Protein backbone atom coordinates (compact mmCIF):
# COMPACT_ATOMS: atom_id res chain seq x y z
CA MET A 1 30.16 4.28 -0.12
CA LYS A 2 25.94 4.97 0.46
CA LYS A 3 25.45 6.41 -3.20
CA LEU A 4 27.54 3.31 -5.02
CA LEU A 5 25.70 0.68 -2.87
CA ALA A 6 22.71 2.10 -4.03
CA THR A 7 23.45 2.37 -7.50
CA LEU A 8 24.69 -0.96 -7.35
CA ALA A 9 21.07 -2.26 -5.70
CA LEU A 10 19.07 -0.23 -8.52
CA ALA A 11 21.32 -2.12 -11.18
CA LEU A 12 20.53 -5.70 -9.74
CA GLY A 13 17.37 -4.56 -9.45
CA ALA A 14 17.01 -3.17 -13.22
CA SER A 15 18.89 -6.56 -14.36
CA ILE A 16 16.33 -8.93 -12.30
CA ALA A 17 13.50 -6.90 -13.62
CA GLY A 18 14.97 -7.33 -17.12
CA ALA A 19 15.18 -11.11 -17.10
CA ALA A 20 11.97 -11.33 -15.83
CA ASP A 21 10.30 -9.42 -19.04
CA ARG A 22 12.69 -11.58 -20.75
CA PRO A 23 11.65 -15.28 -20.10
CA TYR A 24 12.87 -16.72 -23.60
CA ASP A 25 16.73 -17.10 -23.78
CA PRO A 26 18.16 -16.82 -27.42
CA SER A 27 21.14 -18.43 -26.78
CA ALA A 28 19.91 -21.55 -25.16
CA ASP A 29 20.41 -24.75 -27.12
CA ALA A 30 16.39 -25.80 -26.93
CA LYS A 31 17.84 -29.41 -28.36
CA ALA A 32 19.75 -30.01 -25.44
CA GLN A 33 17.24 -28.40 -22.91
CA ILE A 34 14.64 -31.07 -24.14
CA GLN A 35 16.82 -33.87 -24.28
CA ALA A 36 17.59 -33.16 -20.26
CA ALA A 37 14.33 -32.63 -19.70
CA LEU A 38 13.19 -35.79 -21.77
CA SER A 39 15.98 -37.72 -19.35
CA GLU A 40 14.36 -36.10 -16.00
CA ALA A 41 10.84 -36.91 -17.06
CA ALA A 42 11.40 -40.81 -17.93
CA ALA A 43 12.96 -40.64 -14.22
CA SER A 44 9.99 -38.98 -12.89
CA LYS A 45 6.85 -40.31 -15.02
CA GLN A 46 6.11 -36.54 -16.06
CA PRO A 47 5.26 -35.15 -19.14
CA VAL A 48 7.39 -32.11 -20.90
CA LEU A 49 5.42 -29.20 -21.78
CA LEU A 50 7.22 -27.26 -24.27
CA ILE A 51 6.35 -23.83 -24.34
CA PHE A 52 7.43 -21.82 -27.75
CA GLY A 53 7.87 -18.10 -27.84
CA ALA A 54 9.39 -15.09 -27.96
CA ASN A 55 10.82 -12.14 -25.48
CA TRP A 56 9.07 -9.18 -28.11
CA CYS A 57 5.55 -11.08 -27.89
CA GLU A 58 3.15 -9.72 -25.17
CA ASP A 59 1.54 -12.93 -24.98
CA CYS A 60 4.65 -14.98 -24.47
CA ARG A 61 5.70 -13.12 -21.45
CA ALA A 62 2.00 -12.95 -19.71
CA LEU A 63 1.55 -16.50 -20.10
CA ASP A 64 4.97 -17.07 -18.64
CA LYS A 65 4.41 -14.59 -15.40
CA SER A 66 1.09 -16.42 -15.16
CA LEU A 67 2.64 -19.65 -15.37
CA HIS A 68 4.62 -18.44 -12.44
CA THR A 69 2.30 -17.31 -10.20
CA GLY A 70 -0.19 -18.82 -7.59
CA ARG A 71 -2.02 -22.42 -8.66
CA ASN A 72 -0.52 -21.90 -12.28
CA ALA A 73 2.72 -22.87 -10.69
CA GLU A 74 1.83 -25.82 -8.67
CA LEU A 75 0.36 -27.04 -11.39
CA MET A 76 3.52 -26.48 -13.75
CA ALA A 77 5.71 -28.08 -11.15
CA LYS A 78 3.53 -30.87 -10.21
CA GLU A 79 2.38 -32.11 -13.99
CA PHE A 80 5.60 -31.27 -16.04
CA LYS A 81 9.14 -30.44 -17.19
CA VAL A 82 9.25 -27.30 -18.54
CA VAL A 83 11.15 -26.10 -21.64
CA LYS A 84 10.98 -22.89 -23.09
CA VAL A 85 11.55 -22.47 -26.75
CA ASP A 86 12.54 -19.05 -28.14
CA VAL A 87 11.26 -18.44 -31.64
CA GLY A 88 13.24 -15.06 -32.31
CA ASN A 89 11.28 -13.35 -34.83
CA PHE A 90 9.91 -16.82 -36.61
CA ASP A 91 13.74 -17.58 -37.36
CA HIS A 92 15.32 -19.42 -34.82
CA ASN A 93 14.44 -23.03 -33.48
CA LEU A 94 11.69 -23.52 -35.97
CA ASP A 95 13.18 -27.45 -36.88
CA VAL A 96 12.03 -27.77 -32.82
CA ALA A 97 9.06 -26.60 -33.95
CA ASN A 98 8.29 -28.54 -37.02
CA ALA A 99 9.31 -31.46 -35.48
CA TYR A 100 6.30 -31.01 -33.15
CA GLY A 101 4.26 -30.37 -35.65
CA ASN A 102 4.47 -26.41 -36.14
CA PRO A 103 2.38 -25.47 -33.30
CA ILE A 104 3.49 -21.80 -33.78
CA LYS A 105 1.70 -21.76 -37.46
CA LYS A 106 -1.40 -20.17 -35.87
CA GLY A 107 0.67 -17.79 -33.40
CA ILE A 108 3.07 -17.79 -30.36
CA PRO A 109 3.08 -18.77 -27.31
CA ALA A 110 2.38 -22.29 -28.43
CA ALA A 111 2.32 -25.47 -26.58
CA VAL A 112 3.52 -28.88 -27.02
CA ILE A 113 2.96 -31.81 -24.20
CA VAL A 114 5.38 -34.67 -25.19
CA SER A 115 5.83 -37.86 -23.03
CA PRO A 116 8.90 -39.00 -21.50
CA GLN A 117 9.56 -41.17 -25.15
CA ASN A 118 9.69 -37.83 -27.03
CA LYS A 119 5.73 -38.55 -28.61
CA VAL A 120 3.51 -35.47 -28.91
CA LEU A 121 0.20 -36.21 -26.01
CA PHE A 122 -0.94 -32.85 -26.72
CA ALA A 123 -0.40 -29.51 -28.32
CA THR A 124 -1.96 -26.40 -29.50
CA ARG A 125 -2.67 -26.03 -33.18
CA GLY A 126 -4.75 -23.25 -33.55
CA GLY A 127 -3.51 -20.06 -31.78
CA GLU A 128 -5.04 -21.14 -28.67
CA LEU A 129 -2.57 -19.36 -26.59
CA ALA A 130 -1.86 -15.97 -28.85
CA ASP A 131 -3.86 -13.86 -26.73
CA ALA A 132 -2.42 -15.06 -23.33
CA ARG A 133 -2.34 -11.56 -22.59
CA ARG A 134 -6.56 -11.07 -22.19
CA MET A 135 -6.59 -14.64 -20.54
CA SER A 136 -6.71 -14.76 -16.57
CA ASP A 137 -4.64 -16.70 -14.40
CA GLU A 138 -7.73 -18.59 -14.00
CA GLY A 139 -8.22 -19.13 -17.79
CA VAL A 140 -4.27 -20.35 -17.95
CA TYR A 141 -5.15 -22.73 -15.61
CA ASP A 142 -8.19 -23.72 -16.82
CA PHE A 143 -6.58 -24.20 -20.40
CA PHE A 144 -3.97 -26.36 -19.05
CA ARG A 145 -5.73 -28.86 -16.65
CA LYS A 146 -7.58 -29.65 -19.74
CA ALA A 147 -4.59 -30.00 -21.58
CA VAL A 148 -3.00 -32.43 -18.55
CA ALA A 149 -6.55 -34.35 -19.12
CA ASP A 150 -6.18 -34.73 -22.90
CA ALA A 151 -2.63 -35.75 -22.70
CA ARG A 152 -3.32 -38.38 -20.64
CA PRO A 153 -3.92 -42.14 -22.00
CA ALA A 154 -6.86 -43.63 -22.08
CA GLN A 155 -7.47 -46.00 -18.88
């Protein structure tokens, strides 16, 4: 019995670790997720952050990990409704990327901030996050703090 429980615990741990290593769901309906986030954003008056990436992409996985830790996690929760959009091998959800100005043209991960009315407020255009694995958590934080500031309408 102990052996069976140990085996089950290892299998569960491996599946959880595997899920953490695969932050993008290739079977997700990105358009439906975006619409749901826009509805939530309208109620909360928060913008929606779209993160385009893929599970094979080391920089995408590094960015996702960074966004779930420390100040970055707090910033994401406070400022955004977040939707991760899987682009596969640049063969998945390309219509979604194109609807937001093709932010993945120069690499992934890529980010777009949209208003609750689905108006683009900020977008990466030059592969700014494509080297995310070399960005520190502080560098990621600074990038998104600046993106938040750039996305806010002038007062």
